[in-house]
Amino acid sequence: MSTAGIVLEVLSNVFLVVGLLFVFLGMLGLVRLPDVYNRLHTTTKIGTLGAFGVMLSILMKVGFSPIGVKAITVGMFLLLTAPIAAHMISRAAHRHGVGLCDESVIDEYGKVNTLKKNE
C-alpha cells in the first residue's frame, strides 16, 4: 500500500470516528435536553455534522464509485435540508404553543410574533 493510500485510510478512519462521536453526542442531547427547541438545535447541528462526517469517510474509503457518489449526495442533502426542516418544526411548535423550558431566559421569536399580532 502506498503512502497516499495509508494517509487516505487514516483520514477516512478519523472522519468516521469523529462523525460517530458527533452522532452519539447529538443523540445524547436528544435524550438529555429539556425541551423541543433545545433538542432540535442539538440534533440538527451535531447530528448533521456527524452524519456528514460518516458520509465523507465512506467517500474516502470507496472513492468515486457509485457508493461513494451516493454517500456524498446523501451528505449534501442532509446539509441542505436538515436546518430548513428544523426551522419549520420549531416554528410550528412555537405557533402551536409548545413552551420553552423553565431555564430559558428569553424568547425573541415570541416578541416578534407579539409585535406582528398587535399591528
PDB file of N, CA and C in Angstrom:
ATOM      1  N   MET A   1       0.858  -1.189   0.000  1.00  0.00           N
ATOM      2  CA  MET A   1       0.000   0.000   0.000  1.00  0.00           C
ATOM      3  C   MET A   1       0.897   1.243   0.000  1.00  0.00           C
ATOM      4  N   SER A   2       0.575   2.195  -0.834  1.00  0.00           N
ATOM      5  CA  SER A   2       1.400   3.391  -0.954  1.00  0.00           C
ATOM      6  C   SER A   2       1.166   4.338   0.217  1.00  0.00           C
ATOM      7  N   THR A   3       2.016   5.333   0.311  1.00  0.00           N
ATOM      8  CA  THR A   3       1.896   6.319   1.385  1.00  0.00           C
ATOM      9  C   THR A   3       0.600   7.108   1.263  1.00  0.00           C
ATOM     10  N   ALA A   4       0.224   7.454   0.042  1.00  0.00           N
ATOM     11  CA  ALA A   4      -1.028   8.188  -0.156  1.00  0.00           C
ATOM     12  C   ALA A   4      -2.226   7.337   0.254  1.00  0.00           C
ATOM     13  N   GLY A   5      -2.172   6.040  -0.026  1.00  0.00           N
ATOM     14  CA  GLY A   5      -3.246   5.147   0.376  1.00  0.00           C
ATOM     15  C   GLY A   5      -3.369   5.027   1.887  1.00  0.00           C
ATOM     16  N   ILE A   6      -2.232   4.989   2.555  1.00  0.00           N
ATOM     17  CA  ILE A   6      -2.235   4.912   4.026  1.00  0.00           C
ATOM     18  C   ILE A   6      -2.792   6.196   4.623  1.00  0.00           C
ATOM     19  N   VAL A   7      -2.368   7.339   4.077  1.00  0.00           N
ATOM     20  CA  VAL A   7      -2.857   8.630   4.572  1.00  0.00           C
ATOM     21  C   VAL A   7      -4.362   8.742   4.354  1.00  0.00           C
ATOM     22  N   LEU A   8      -4.835   8.315   3.195  1.00  0.00           N
ATOM     23  CA  LEU A   8      -6.266   8.356   2.900  1.00  0.00           C
ATOM     24  C   LEU A   8      -7.053   7.437   3.837  1.00  0.00           C
ATOM     25  N   GLU A   9      -6.499   6.272   4.132  1.00  0.00           N
ATOM     26  CA  GLU A   9      -7.146   5.329   5.050  1.00  0.00           C
ATOM     27  C   GLU A   9      -7.212   5.899   6.465  1.00  0.00           C
ATOM     28  N   VAL A  10      -6.144   6.528   6.916  1.00  0.00           N
ATOM     29  CA  VAL A  10      -6.132   7.134   8.249  1.00  0.00           C
ATOM     30  C   VAL A  10      -7.113   8.291   8.322  1.00  0.00           C
ATOM     31  N   LEU A  11      -7.123   9.150   7.296  1.00  0.00           N
ATOM     32  CA  LEU A  11      -8.077  10.265   7.274  1.00  0.00           C
ATOM     33  C   LEU A  11      -9.522   9.766   7.254  1.00  0.00           C
ATOM     34  N   SER A  12      -9.759   8.718   6.503  1.00  0.00           N
ATOM     35  CA  SER A  12     -11.104   8.140   6.453  1.00  0.00           C
ATOM     36  C   SER A  12     -11.521   7.631   7.830  1.00  0.00           C
ATOM     37  N   ASN A  13     -10.621   6.959   8.511  1.00  0.00           N
ATOM     38  CA  ASN A  13     -10.936   6.457   9.858  1.00  0.00           C
ATOM     39  C   ASN A  13     -11.144   7.597  10.849  1.00  0.00           C
ATOM     40  N   VAL A  14     -10.367   8.656  10.713  1.00  0.00           N
ATOM     41  CA  VAL A  14     -10.538   9.816  11.601  1.00  0.00           C
ATOM     42  C   VAL A  14     -11.907  10.451  11.378  1.00  0.00           C
ATOM     43  N   PHE A  15     -12.285  10.654  10.109  1.00  0.00           N
ATOM     44  CA  PHE A  15     -13.610  11.221   9.819  1.00  0.00           C
ATOM     45  C   PHE A  15     -14.725  10.322  10.323  1.00  0.00           C
ATOM     46  N   LEU A  16     -14.534   9.015  10.228  1.00  0.00           N
ATOM     47  CA  LEU A  16     -15.544   8.080  10.711  1.00  0.00           C
ATOM     48  C   LEU A  16     -15.702   8.175  12.220  1.00  0.00           C
ATOM     49  N   VAL A  17     -14.597   8.181  12.948  1.00  0.00           N
ATOM     50  CA  VAL A  17     -14.661   8.254  14.409  1.00  0.00           C
ATOM     51  C   VAL A  17     -15.234   9.595  14.866  1.00  0.00           C
ATOM     52  N   VAL A  18     -14.798  10.676  14.257  1.00  0.00           N
ATOM     53  CA  VAL A  18     -15.318  11.998  14.626  1.00  0.00           C
ATOM     54  C   VAL A  18     -16.802  12.099  14.281  1.00  0.00           C
ATOM     55  N   GLY A  19     -17.197  11.599  13.121  1.00  0.00           N
ATOM     56  CA  GLY A  19     -18.604  11.610  12.733  1.00  0.00           C
ATOM     57  C   GLY A  19     -19.457  10.800  13.697  1.00  0.00           C
ATOM     58  N   LEU A  20     -18.982   9.616  14.066  1.00  0.00           N
ATOM     59  CA  LEU A  20     -19.733   8.795  15.016  1.00  0.00           C
ATOM     60  C   LEU A  20     -19.800   9.446  16.391  1.00  0.00           C
ATOM     61  N   LEU A  21     -18.739  10.123  16.796  1.00  0.00           N
ATOM     62  CA  LEU A  21     -18.756  10.845  18.071  1.00  0.00           C
ATOM     63  C   LEU A  21     -19.803  11.953  18.038  1.00  0.00           C
ATOM     64  N   PHE A  22     -19.865  12.699  16.944  1.00  0.00           N
ATOM     65  CA  PHE A  22     -20.872  13.756  16.830  1.00  0.00           C
ATOM     66  C   PHE A  22     -22.285  13.185  16.810  1.00  0.00           C
ATOM     67  N   VAL A  23     -22.487  12.074  16.109  1.00  0.00           N
ATOM     68  CA  VAL A  23     -23.806  11.444  16.096  1.00  0.00           C
ATOM     69  C   VAL A  23     -24.184  11.007  17.509  1.00  0.00           C
ATOM     70  N   PHE A  24     -23.247  10.417  18.227  1.00  0.00           N
ATOM     71  CA  PHE A  24     -23.513   9.990  19.603  1.00  0.00           C
ATOM     72  C   PHE A  24     -23.859  11.186  20.489  1.00  0.00           C
ATOM     73  N   LEU A  25     -23.106  12.269  20.377  1.00  0.00           N
ATOM     74  CA  LEU A  25     -23.391  13.454  21.186  1.00  0.00           C
ATOM     75  C   LEU A  25     -24.743  14.072  20.832  1.00  0.00           C
ATOM     76  N   GLY A  26     -25.094  14.052  19.565  1.00  0.00           N
ATOM     77  CA  GLY A  26     -26.400  14.555  19.142  1.00  0.00           C
ATOM     78  C   GLY A  26     -27.530  13.735  19.734  1.00  0.00           C
ATOM     79  N   MET A  27     -27.379  12.435  19.731  1.00  0.00           N
ATOM     80  CA  MET A  27     -28.425  11.577  20.293  1.00  0.00           C
ATOM     81  C   MET A  27     -28.464  11.672  21.819  1.00  0.00           C
ATOM     82  N   LEU A  28     -27.323  11.885  22.437  1.00  0.00           N
ATOM     83  CA  LEU A  28     -27.288  12.108  23.879  1.00  0.00           C
ATOM     84  C   LEU A  28     -28.006  13.413  24.222  1.00  0.00           C
ATOM     85  N   GLY A  29     -27.814  14.439  23.414  1.00  0.00           N
ATOM     86  CA  GLY A  29     -28.523  15.701  23.603  1.00  0.00           C
ATOM     87  C   GLY A  29     -30.011  15.550  23.406  1.00  0.00           C
ATOM     88  N   LEU A  30     -30.417  14.674  22.489  1.00  0.00           N
ATOM     89  CA  LEU A  30     -31.829  14.414  22.271  1.00  0.00           C
ATOM     90  C   LEU A  30     -32.484  13.843  23.516  1.00  0.00           C
ATOM     91  N   VAL A  31     -31.758  13.020  24.234  1.00  0.00           N
ATOM     92  CA  VAL A  31     -32.297  12.405  25.450  1.00  0.00           C
ATOM     93  C   VAL A  31     -32.216  13.357  26.639  1.00  0.00           C
ATOM     94  N   ARG A  32     -31.148  14.140  26.731  1.00  0.00           N
ATOM     95  CA  ARG A  32     -30.871  14.903  27.941  1.00  0.00           C
ATOM     96  C   ARG A  32     -31.440  16.323  27.968  1.00  0.00           C
ATOM     97  N   LEU A  33     -31.642  16.942  26.851  1.00  0.00           N
ATOM     98  CA  LEU A  33     -32.060  18.345  26.853  1.00  0.00           C
ATOM     99  C   LEU A  33     -33.548  18.481  27.172  1.00  0.00           C
ATOM    100  N   PRO A  34     -33.947  19.609  27.758  1.00  0.00           N
ATOM    101  CA  PRO A  34     -35.271  19.706  28.374  1.00  0.00           C
ATOM    102  C   PRO A  34     -36.460  19.953  27.455  1.00  0.00           C
ATOM    103  N   ASP A  35     -36.307  20.671  26.368  1.00  0.00           N
ATOM    104  CA  ASP A  35     -37.492  20.985  25.565  1.00  0.00           C
ATOM    105  C   ASP A  35     -37.232  20.761  24.078  1.00  0.00           C
ATOM    106  N   VAL A  36     -38.283  20.897  23.298  1.00  0.00           N
ATOM    107  CA  VAL A  36     -38.225  20.579  21.876  1.00  0.00           C
ATOM    108  C   VAL A  36     -37.254  21.494  21.128  1.00  0.00           C
ATOM    109  N   TYR A  37     -37.119  22.719  21.544  1.00  0.00           N
ATOM    110  CA  TYR A  37     -36.250  23.664  20.836  1.00  0.00           C
ATOM    111  C   TYR A  37     -34.778  23.318  21.040  1.00  0.00           C
ATOM    112  N   ASN A  38     -34.402  23.005  22.263  1.00  0.00           N
ATOM    113  CA  ASN A  38     -33.024  22.593  22.528  1.00  0.00           C
ATOM    114  C   ASN A  38     -32.713  21.267  21.850  1.00  0.00           C
ATOM    115  N   ARG A  39     -33.654  20.360  21.845  1.00  0.00           N
ATOM    116  CA  ARG A  39     -33.442  19.068  21.196  1.00  0.00           C
ATOM    117  C   ARG A  39     -33.270  19.232  19.689  1.00  0.00           C
ATOM    118  N   LEU A  40     -34.077  20.074  19.096  1.00  0.00           N
ATOM    119  CA  LEU A  40     -33.930  20.322  17.661  1.00  0.00           C
ATOM    120  C   LEU A  40     -32.580  20.949  17.338  1.00  0.00           C
ATOM    121  N   HIS A  41     -32.151  21.844  18.190  1.00  0.00           N
ATOM    122  CA  HIS A  41     -30.869  22.515  17.973  1.00  0.00           C
ATOM    123  C   HIS A  41     -29.732  21.495  17.946  1.00  0.00           C
ATOM    124  N   THR A  42     -29.703  20.642  18.956  1.00  0.00           N
ATOM    125  CA  THR A  42     -28.592  19.692  19.029  1.00  0.00           C
ATOM    126  C   THR A  42     -28.656  18.638  17.939  1.00  0.00           C
ATOM    127  N   THR A  43     -29.832  18.126  17.645  1.00  0.00           N
ATOM    128  CA  THR A  43     -29.886  17.091  16.617  1.00  0.00           C
ATOM    129  C   THR A  43     -29.627  17.655  15.229  1.00  0.00           C
ATOM    130  N   THR A  44     -29.996  18.888  14.994  1.00  0.00           N
ATOM    131  CA  THR A  44     -29.746  19.468  13.678  1.00  0.00           C
ATOM    132  C   THR A  44     -28.274  19.780  13.488  1.00  0.00           C
ATOM    133  N   LYS A  45     -27.700  20.486  14.430  1.00  0.00           N
ATOM    134  CA  LYS A  45     -26.316  20.915  14.269  1.00  0.00           C
ATOM    135  C   LYS A  45     -25.340  19.739  14.377  1.00  0.00           C
ATOM    136  N   ILE A  46     -25.416  19.029  15.472  1.00  0.00           N
ATOM    137  CA  ILE A  46     -24.419  17.992  15.729  1.00  0.00           C
ATOM    138  C   ILE A  46     -24.720  16.731  14.924  1.00  0.00           C
ATOM    139  N   GLY A  47     -25.987  16.361  14.846  1.00  0.00           N
ATOM    140  CA  GLY A  47     -26.336  15.167  14.082  1.00  0.00           C
ATOM    141  C   GLY A  47     -26.011  15.292  12.607  1.00  0.00           C
ATOM    142  N   THR A  48     -26.254  16.446  12.029  1.00  0.00           N
ATOM    143  CA  THR A  48     -25.954  16.668  10.616  1.00  0.00           C
ATOM    144  C   THR A  48     -24.455  16.643  10.369  1.00  0.00           C
ATOM    145  N   LEU A  49     -23.702  17.289  11.249  1.00  0.00           N
ATOM    146  CA  LEU A  49     -22.249  17.286  11.108  1.00  0.00           C
ATOM    147  C   LEU A  49     -21.696  15.869  11.242  1.00  0.00           C
ATOM    148  N   GLY A  50     -22.248  15.110  12.183  1.00  0.00           N
ATOM    149  CA  GLY A  50     -21.799  13.733  12.369  1.00  0.00           C
ATOM    150  C   GLY A  50     -22.125  12.854  11.179  1.00  0.00           C
ATOM    151  N   ALA A  51     -23.328  12.957  10.675  1.00  0.00           N
ATOM    152  CA  ALA A  51     -23.721  12.155   9.515  1.00  0.00           C
ATOM    153  C   ALA A  51     -22.883  12.534   8.291  1.00  0.00           C
ATOM    154  N   PHE A  52     -22.592  13.819   8.137  1.00  0.00           N
ATOM    155  CA  PHE A  52     -21.760  14.237   7.011  1.00  0.00           C
ATOM    156  C   PHE A  52     -20.346  13.685   7.156  1.00  0.00           C
ATOM    157  N   GLY A  53     -19.834  13.638   8.385  1.00  0.00           N
ATOM    158  CA  GLY A  53     -18.510  13.050   8.612  1.00  0.00           C
ATOM    159  C   GLY A  53     -18.464  11.580   8.239  1.00  0.00           C
ATOM    160  N   VAL A  54     -19.500  10.849   8.582  1.00  0.00           N
ATOM    161  CA  VAL A  54     -19.567   9.433   8.213  1.00  0.00           C
ATOM    162  C   VAL A  54     -19.646   9.285   6.694  1.00  0.00           C
ATOM    163  N   MET A  55     -20.451  10.107   6.047  1.00  0.00           N
ATOM    164  CA  MET A  55     -20.574  10.029   4.588  1.00  0.00           C
ATOM    165  C   MET A  55     -19.256  10.386   3.896  1.00  0.00           C
ATOM    166  N   LEU A  56     -18.549  11.365   4.436  1.00  0.00           N
ATOM    167  CA  LEU A  56     -17.242  11.736   3.885  1.00  0.00           C
ATOM    168  C   LEU A  56     -16.239  10.596   4.065  1.00  0.00           C
ATOM    169  N   SER A  57     -16.326   9.914   5.194  1.00  0.00           N
ATOM    170  CA  SER A  57     -15.466   8.759   5.431  1.00  0.00           C
ATOM    171  C   SER A  57     -15.736   7.655   4.417  1.00  0.00           C
ATOM    172  N   ILE A  58     -17.012   7.410   4.130  1.00  0.00           N
ATOM    173  CA  ILE A  58     -17.356   6.401   3.122  1.00  0.00           C
ATOM    174  C   ILE A  58     -16.791   6.789   1.767  1.00  0.00           C
ATOM    175  N   LEU A  59     -16.915   8.067   1.410  1.00  0.00           N
ATOM    176  CA  LEU A  59     -16.374   8.533   0.137  1.00  0.00           C
ATOM    177  C   LEU A  59     -14.865   8.317   0.077  1.00  0.00           C
ATOM    178  N   MET A  60     -14.167   8.587   1.168  1.00  0.00           N
ATOM    179  CA  MET A  60     -12.713   8.404   1.184  1.00  0.00           C
ATOM    180  C   MET A  60     -12.337   6.925   1.098  1.00  0.00           C
ATOM    181  N   LYS A  61     -13.127   6.057   1.678  1.00  0.00           N
ATOM    182  CA  LYS A  61     -12.819   4.619   1.648  1.00  0.00           C
ATOM    183  C   LYS A  61     -13.042   4.011   0.274  1.00  0.00           C
ATOM    184  N   VAL A  62     -14.168   4.333  -0.372  1.00  0.00           N
ATOM    185  CA  VAL A  62     -14.508   3.660  -1.626  1.00  0.00           C
ATOM    186  C   VAL A  62     -14.223   4.505  -2.860  1.00  0.00           C
ATOM    187  N   GLY A  63     -13.907   5.773  -2.680  1.00  0.00           N
ATOM    188  CA  GLY A  63     -13.615   6.633  -3.821  1.00  0.00           C
ATOM    189  C   GLY A  63     -14.885   7.060  -4.536  1.00  0.00           C
ATOM    190  N   PHE A  64     -14.727   7.489  -5.764  1.00  0.00           N
ATOM    191  CA  PHE A  64     -15.877   7.973  -6.539  1.00  0.00           C
ATOM    192  C   PHE A  64     -16.577   6.834  -7.273  1.00  0.00           C
ATOM    193  N   SER A  65     -16.790   5.749  -6.569  1.00  0.00           N
ATOM    194  CA  SER A  65     -17.601   4.648  -7.101  1.00  0.00           C
ATOM    195  C   SER A  65     -19.072   5.020  -6.902  1.00  0.00           C
ATOM    196  N   PRO A  66     -19.993   4.203  -7.384  1.00  0.00           N
ATOM    197  CA  PRO A  66     -21.414   4.535  -7.172  1.00  0.00           C
ATOM    198  C   PRO A  66     -21.782   4.698  -5.687  1.00  0.00           C
ATOM    199  N   ILE A  67     -21.178   3.889  -4.822  1.00  0.00           N
ATOM    200  CA  ILE A  67     -21.470   4.015  -3.386  1.00  0.00           C
ATOM    201  C   ILE A  67     -20.924   5.329  -2.833  1.00  0.00           C
ATOM    202  N   GLY A  68     -19.726   5.721  -3.255  1.00  0.00           N
ATOM    203  CA  GLY A  68     -19.137   6.977  -2.788  1.00  0.00           C
ATOM    204  C   GLY A  68     -19.927   8.191  -3.246  1.00  0.00           C
ATOM    205  N   VAL A  69     -20.391   8.151  -4.482  1.00  0.00           N
ATOM    206  CA  VAL A  69     -21.192   9.262  -5.005  1.00  0.00           C
ATOM    207  C   VAL A  69     -22.523   9.340  -4.256  1.00  0.00           C
ATOM    208  N   LYS A  70     -23.128   8.189  -3.967  1.00  0.00           N
ATOM    209  CA  LYS A  70     -24.367   8.175  -3.193  1.00  0.00           C
ATOM    210  C   LYS A  70     -24.134   8.720  -1.791  1.00  0.00           C
ATOM    211  N   ALA A  71     -23.017   8.359  -1.183  1.00  0.00           N
ATOM    212  CA  ALA A  71     -22.718   8.829   0.177  1.00  0.00           C
ATOM    213  C   ALA A  71     -22.571  10.342   0.217  1.00  0.00           C
ATOM    214  N   ILE A  72     -21.850  10.908  -0.727  1.00  0.00           N
ATOM    215  CA  ILE A  72     -21.660  12.357  -0.714  1.00  0.00           C
ATOM    216  C   ILE A  72     -22.953  13.068  -1.096  1.00  0.00           C
ATOM    217  N   THR A  73     -23.786  12.436  -1.939  1.00  0.00           N
ATOM    218  CA  THR A  73     -25.078  13.024  -2.270  1.00  0.00           C
ATOM    219  C   THR A  73     -25.978  13.063  -1.042  1.00  0.00           C
ATOM    220  N   VAL A  74     -25.997  11.984  -0.279  1.00  0.00           N
ATOM    221  CA  VAL A  74     -26.778  11.955   0.965  1.00  0.00           C
ATOM    222  C   VAL A  74     -26.253  12.996   1.943  1.00  0.00           C
ATOM    223  N   GLY A  75     -24.921  13.112   2.044  1.00  0.00           N
ATOM    224  CA  GLY A  75     -24.333  14.115   2.931  1.00  0.00           C
ATOM    225  C   GLY A  75     -24.720  15.532   2.554  1.00  0.00           C
ATOM    226  N   MET A  76     -24.675  15.834   1.277  1.00  0.00           N
ATOM    227  CA  MET A  76     -25.065  17.172   0.823  1.00  0.00           C
ATOM    228  C   MET A  76     -26.555  17.413   1.041  1.00  0.00           C
ATOM    229  N   PHE A  77     -27.377  16.391   0.810  1.00  0.00           N
ATOM    230  CA  PHE A  77     -28.811  16.507   1.052  1.00  0.00           C
ATOM    231  C   PHE A  77     -29.084  16.827   2.520  1.00  0.00           C
ATOM    232  N   LEU A  78     -28.377  16.154   3.424  1.00  0.00           N
ATOM    233  CA  LEU A  78     -28.541  16.431   4.856  1.00  0.00           C
ATOM    234  C   LEU A  78     -28.118  17.856   5.202  1.00  0.00           C
ATOM    235  N   LEU A  79     -26.996  18.282   4.644  1.00  0.00           N
ATOM    236  CA  LEU A  79     -26.516  19.638   4.931  1.00  0.00           C
ATOM    237  C   LEU A  79     -27.494  20.699   4.454  1.00  0.00           C
ATOM    238  N   LEU A  80     -28.172  20.438   3.354  1.00  0.00           N
ATOM    239  CA  LEU A  80     -29.091  21.428   2.799  1.00  0.00           C
ATOM    240  C   LEU A  80     -30.478  21.390   3.430  1.00  0.00           C
ATOM    241  N   THR A  81     -30.958  20.220   3.796  1.00  0.00           N
ATOM    242  CA  THR A  81     -32.349  20.114   4.234  1.00  0.00           C
ATOM    243  C   THR A  81     -32.551  20.083   5.744  1.00  0.00           C
ATOM    244  N   ALA A  82     -31.601  19.606   6.510  1.00  0.00           N
ATOM    245  CA  ALA A  82     -31.797  19.482   7.965  1.00  0.00           C
ATOM    246  C   ALA A  82     -32.034  20.827   8.654  1.00  0.00           C
ATOM    247  N   PRO A  83     -31.276  21.870   8.356  1.00  0.00           N
ATOM    248  CA  PRO A  83     -31.562  23.157   9.013  1.00  0.00           C
ATOM    249  C   PRO A  83     -32.938  23.724   8.655  1.00  0.00           C
ATOM    250  N   ILE A  84     -33.345  23.554   7.420  1.00  0.00           N
ATOM    251  CA  ILE A  84     -34.653  24.059   6.998  1.00  0.00           C
ATOM    252  C   ILE A  84     -35.765  23.285   7.691  1.00  0.00           C
ATOM    253  N   ALA A  85     -35.613  21.973   7.758  1.00  0.00           N
ATOM    254  CA  ALA A  85     -36.624  21.146   8.425  1.00  0.00           C
ATOM    255  C   ALA A  85     -36.711  21.482   9.910  1.00  0.00           C
ATOM    256  N   ALA A  86     -35.572  21.669  10.563  1.00  0.00           N
ATOM    257  CA  ALA A  86     -35.581  22.009  11.987  1.00  0.00           C
ATOM    258  C   ALA A  86     -36.230  23.365  12.224  1.00  0.00           C
ATOM    259  N   HIS A  87     -35.970  24.314  11.337  1.00  0.00           N
ATOM    260  CA  HIS A  87     -36.594  25.627  11.477  1.00  0.00           C
ATOM    261  C   HIS A  87     -38.108  25.527  11.347  1.00  0.00           C
ATOM    262  N   MET A  88     -38.572  24.769  10.383  1.00  0.00           N
ATOM    263  CA  MET A  88     -40.016  24.633  10.180  1.00  0.00           C
ATOM    264  C   MET A  88     -40.676  23.893  11.346  1.00  0.00           C
ATOM    265  N   ILE A  89     -40.012  22.880  11.880  1.00  0.00           N
ATOM    266  CA  ILE A  89     -40.563  22.145  13.025  1.00  0.00           C
ATOM    267  C   ILE A  89     -40.624  23.038  14.251  1.00  0.00           C
ATOM    268  N   SER A  90     -39.563  23.806  14.498  1.00  0.00           N
ATOM    269  CA  SER A  90     -39.569  24.684  15.675  1.00  0.00           C
ATOM    270  C   SER A  90     -40.576  25.821  15.512  1.00  0.00           C
ATOM    271  N   ARG A  91     -40.738  26.305  14.305  1.00  0.00           N
ATOM    272  CA  ARG A  91     -41.731  27.358  14.064  1.00  0.00           C
ATOM    273  C   ARG A  91     -43.145  26.828  14.287  1.00  0.00           C
ATOM    274  N   ALA A  92     -43.404  25.624  13.808  1.00  0.00           N
ATOM    275  CA  ALA A  92     -44.725  25.016  14.013  1.00  0.00           C
ATOM    276  C   ALA A  92     -44.962  24.740  15.494  1.00  0.00           C
ATOM    277  N   ALA A  93     -43.934  24.284  16.196  1.00  0.00           N
ATOM    278  CA  ALA A  93     -44.082  24.030  17.633  1.00  0.00           C
ATOM    279  C   ALA A  93     -44.374  25.325  18.378  1.00  0.00           C
ATOM    280  N   HIS A  94     -43.709  26.399  17.999  1.00  0.00           N
ATOM    281  CA  HIS A  94     -43.924  27.685  18.667  1.00  0.00           C
ATOM    282  C   HIS A  94     -45.333  28.208  18.385  1.00  0.00           C
ATOM    283  N   ARG A  95     -45.767  28.067  17.149  1.00  0.00           N
ATOM    284  CA  ARG A  95     -47.111  28.542  16.791  1.00  0.00           C
ATOM    285  C   ARG A  95     -48.215  27.729  17.471  1.00  0.00           C
ATOM    286  N   HIS A  96     -47.933  26.493  17.774  1.00  0.00           N
ATOM    287  CA  HIS A  96     -48.921  25.648  18.448  1.00  0.00           C
ATOM    288  C   HIS A  96     -48.832  25.748  19.965  1.00  0.00           C
ATOM    289  N   GLY A  97     -47.983  26.632  20.452  1.00  0.00           N
ATOM    290  CA  GLY A  97     -47.934  26.911  21.877  1.00  0.00           C
ATOM    291  C   GLY A  97     -47.043  26.007  22.711  1.00  0.00           C
ATOM    292  N   VAL A  98     -46.131  25.289  22.079  1.00  0.00           N
ATOM    293  CA  VAL A  98     -45.196  24.470  22.846  1.00  0.00           C
ATOM    294  C   VAL A  98     -44.258  25.418  23.583  1.00  0.00           C
ATOM    295  N   GLY A  99     -44.250  25.328  24.894  1.00  0.00           N
ATOM    296  CA  GLY A  99     -43.488  26.275  25.699  1.00  0.00           C
ATOM    297  C   GLY A  99     -42.013  25.950  25.794  1.00  0.00           C
ATOM    298  N   LEU A 100     -41.293  26.960  26.217  1.00  0.00           N
ATOM    299  CA  LEU A 100     -39.875  26.788  26.477  1.00  0.00           C
ATOM    300  C   LEU A 100     -39.689  26.144  27.844  1.00  0.00           C
ATOM    301  N   CYS A 101     -38.505  25.615  28.087  1.00  0.00           N
ATOM    302  CA  CYS A 101     -38.235  25.052  29.408  1.00  0.00           C
ATOM    303  C   CYS A 101     -38.105  26.198  30.421  1.00  0.00           C
ATOM    304  N   ASP A 102     -38.174  25.857  31.698  1.00  0.00           N
ATOM    305  CA  ASP A 102     -38.137  26.876  32.745  1.00  0.00           C
ATOM    306  C   ASP A 102     -36.816  27.636  32.787  1.00  0.00           C
ATOM    307  N   GLU A 103     -35.726  26.997  32.340  1.00  0.00           N
ATOM    308  CA  GLU A 103     -34.407  27.643  32.382  1.00  0.00           C
ATOM    309  C   GLU A 103     -34.189  28.636  31.248  1.00  0.00           C
ATOM    310  N   SER A 104     -35.084  28.657  30.258  1.00  0.00           N
ATOM    311  CA  SER A 104     -34.932  29.593  29.143  1.00  0.00           C
ATOM    312  C   SER A 104     -35.120  31.018  29.636  1.00  0.00           C
ATOM    313  N   VAL A 105     -34.254  31.903  29.178  1.00  0.00           N
ATOM    314  CA  VAL A 105     -34.243  33.274  29.672  1.00  0.00           C
ATOM    315  C   VAL A 105     -35.063  34.204  28.793  1.00  0.00           C
ATOM    316  N   ILE A 106     -34.989  34.029  27.474  1.00  0.00           N
ATOM    317  CA  ILE A 106     -35.620  34.989  26.578  1.00  0.00           C
ATOM    318  C   ILE A 106     -36.232  34.266  25.382  1.00  0.00           C
ATOM    319  N   ASP A 107     -37.303  34.821  24.851  1.00  0.00           N
ATOM    320  CA  ASP A 107     -37.989  34.261  23.698  1.00  0.00           C
ATOM    321  C   ASP A 107     -38.090  35.349  22.636  1.00  0.00           C
ATOM    322  N   GLU A 108     -37.050  35.496  21.843  1.00  0.00           N
ATOM    323  CA  GLU A 108     -37.013  36.541  20.820  1.00  0.00           C
ATOM    324  C   GLU A 108     -38.085  36.326  19.757  1.00  0.00           C
ATOM    325  N   TYR A 109     -38.319  35.097  19.379  1.00  0.00           N
ATOM    326  CA  TYR A 109     -39.315  34.821  18.343  1.00  0.00           C
ATOM    327  C   TYR A 109     -40.713  35.163  18.848  1.00  0.00           C
ATOM    328  N   GLY A 110     -40.959  34.935  20.128  1.00  0.00           N
ATOM    329  CA  GLY A 110     -42.256  35.285  20.707  1.00  0.00           C
ATOM    330  C   GLY A 110     -42.494  36.781  20.688  1.00  0.00           C
ATOM    331  N   LYS A 111     -41.442  37.564  20.913  1.00  0.00           N
ATOM    332  CA  LYS A 111     -41.566  39.024  20.870  1.00  0.00           C
ATOM    333  C   LYS A 111     -41.934  39.492  19.466  1.00  0.00           C
ATOM    334  N   VAL A 112     -41.329  38.908  18.451  1.00  0.00           N
ATOM    335  CA  VAL A 112     -41.608  39.298  17.079  1.00  0.00           C
ATOM    336  C   VAL A 112     -43.052  38.957  16.730  1.00  0.00           C
ATOM    337  N   ASN A 113     -43.507  37.770  17.111  1.00  0.00           N
ATOM    338  CA  ASN A 113     -44.891  37.369  16.822  1.00  0.00           C
ATOM    339  C   ASN A 113     -45.892  38.258  17.553  1.00  0.00           C
ATOM    340  N   THR A 114     -45.572  38.651  18.777  1.00  0.00           N
ATOM    341  CA  THR A 114     -46.472  39.518  19.540  1.00  0.00           C
ATOM    342  C   THR A 114     -46.584  40.879  18.868  1.00  0.00           C
ATOM    343  N   LEU A 115     -45.474  41.416  18.393  1.00  0.00           N
ATOM    344  CA  LEU A 115     -45.490  42.705  17.714  1.00  0.00           C
ATOM    345  C   LEU A 115     -46.299  42.645  16.421  1.00  0.00           C
ATOM    346  N   LYS A 116     -46.187  41.550  15.665  1.00  0.00           N
ATOM    347  CA  LYS A 116     -46.927  41.420  14.422  1.00  0.00           C
ATOM    348  C   LYS A 116     -48.429  41.302  14.682  1.00  0.00           C
ATOM    349  N   LYS A 117     -48.803  40.626  15.748  1.00  0.00           N
ATOM    350  CA  LYS A 117     -50.219  40.453  16.052  1.00  0.00           C
ATOM    351  C   LYS A 117     -50.862  41.771  16.520  1.00  0.00           C
ATOM    352  N   ASN A 118     -50.089  42.614  17.187  1.00  0.00           N
ATOM    353  CA  ASN A 118     -50.613  43.868  17.711  1.00  0.00           C
ATOM    354  C   ASN A 118     -50.745  44.939  16.622  1.00  0.00           C
ATOM    355  N   GLU A 119     -50.088  44.752  15.507  1.00  0.00           N
ATOM    356  CA  GLU A 119     -50.125  45.770  14.445  1.00  0.00           C
ATOM    357  C   GLU A 119     -51.397  45.710  13.648  1.00  0.00           C
TER     358      GLU A 119
END
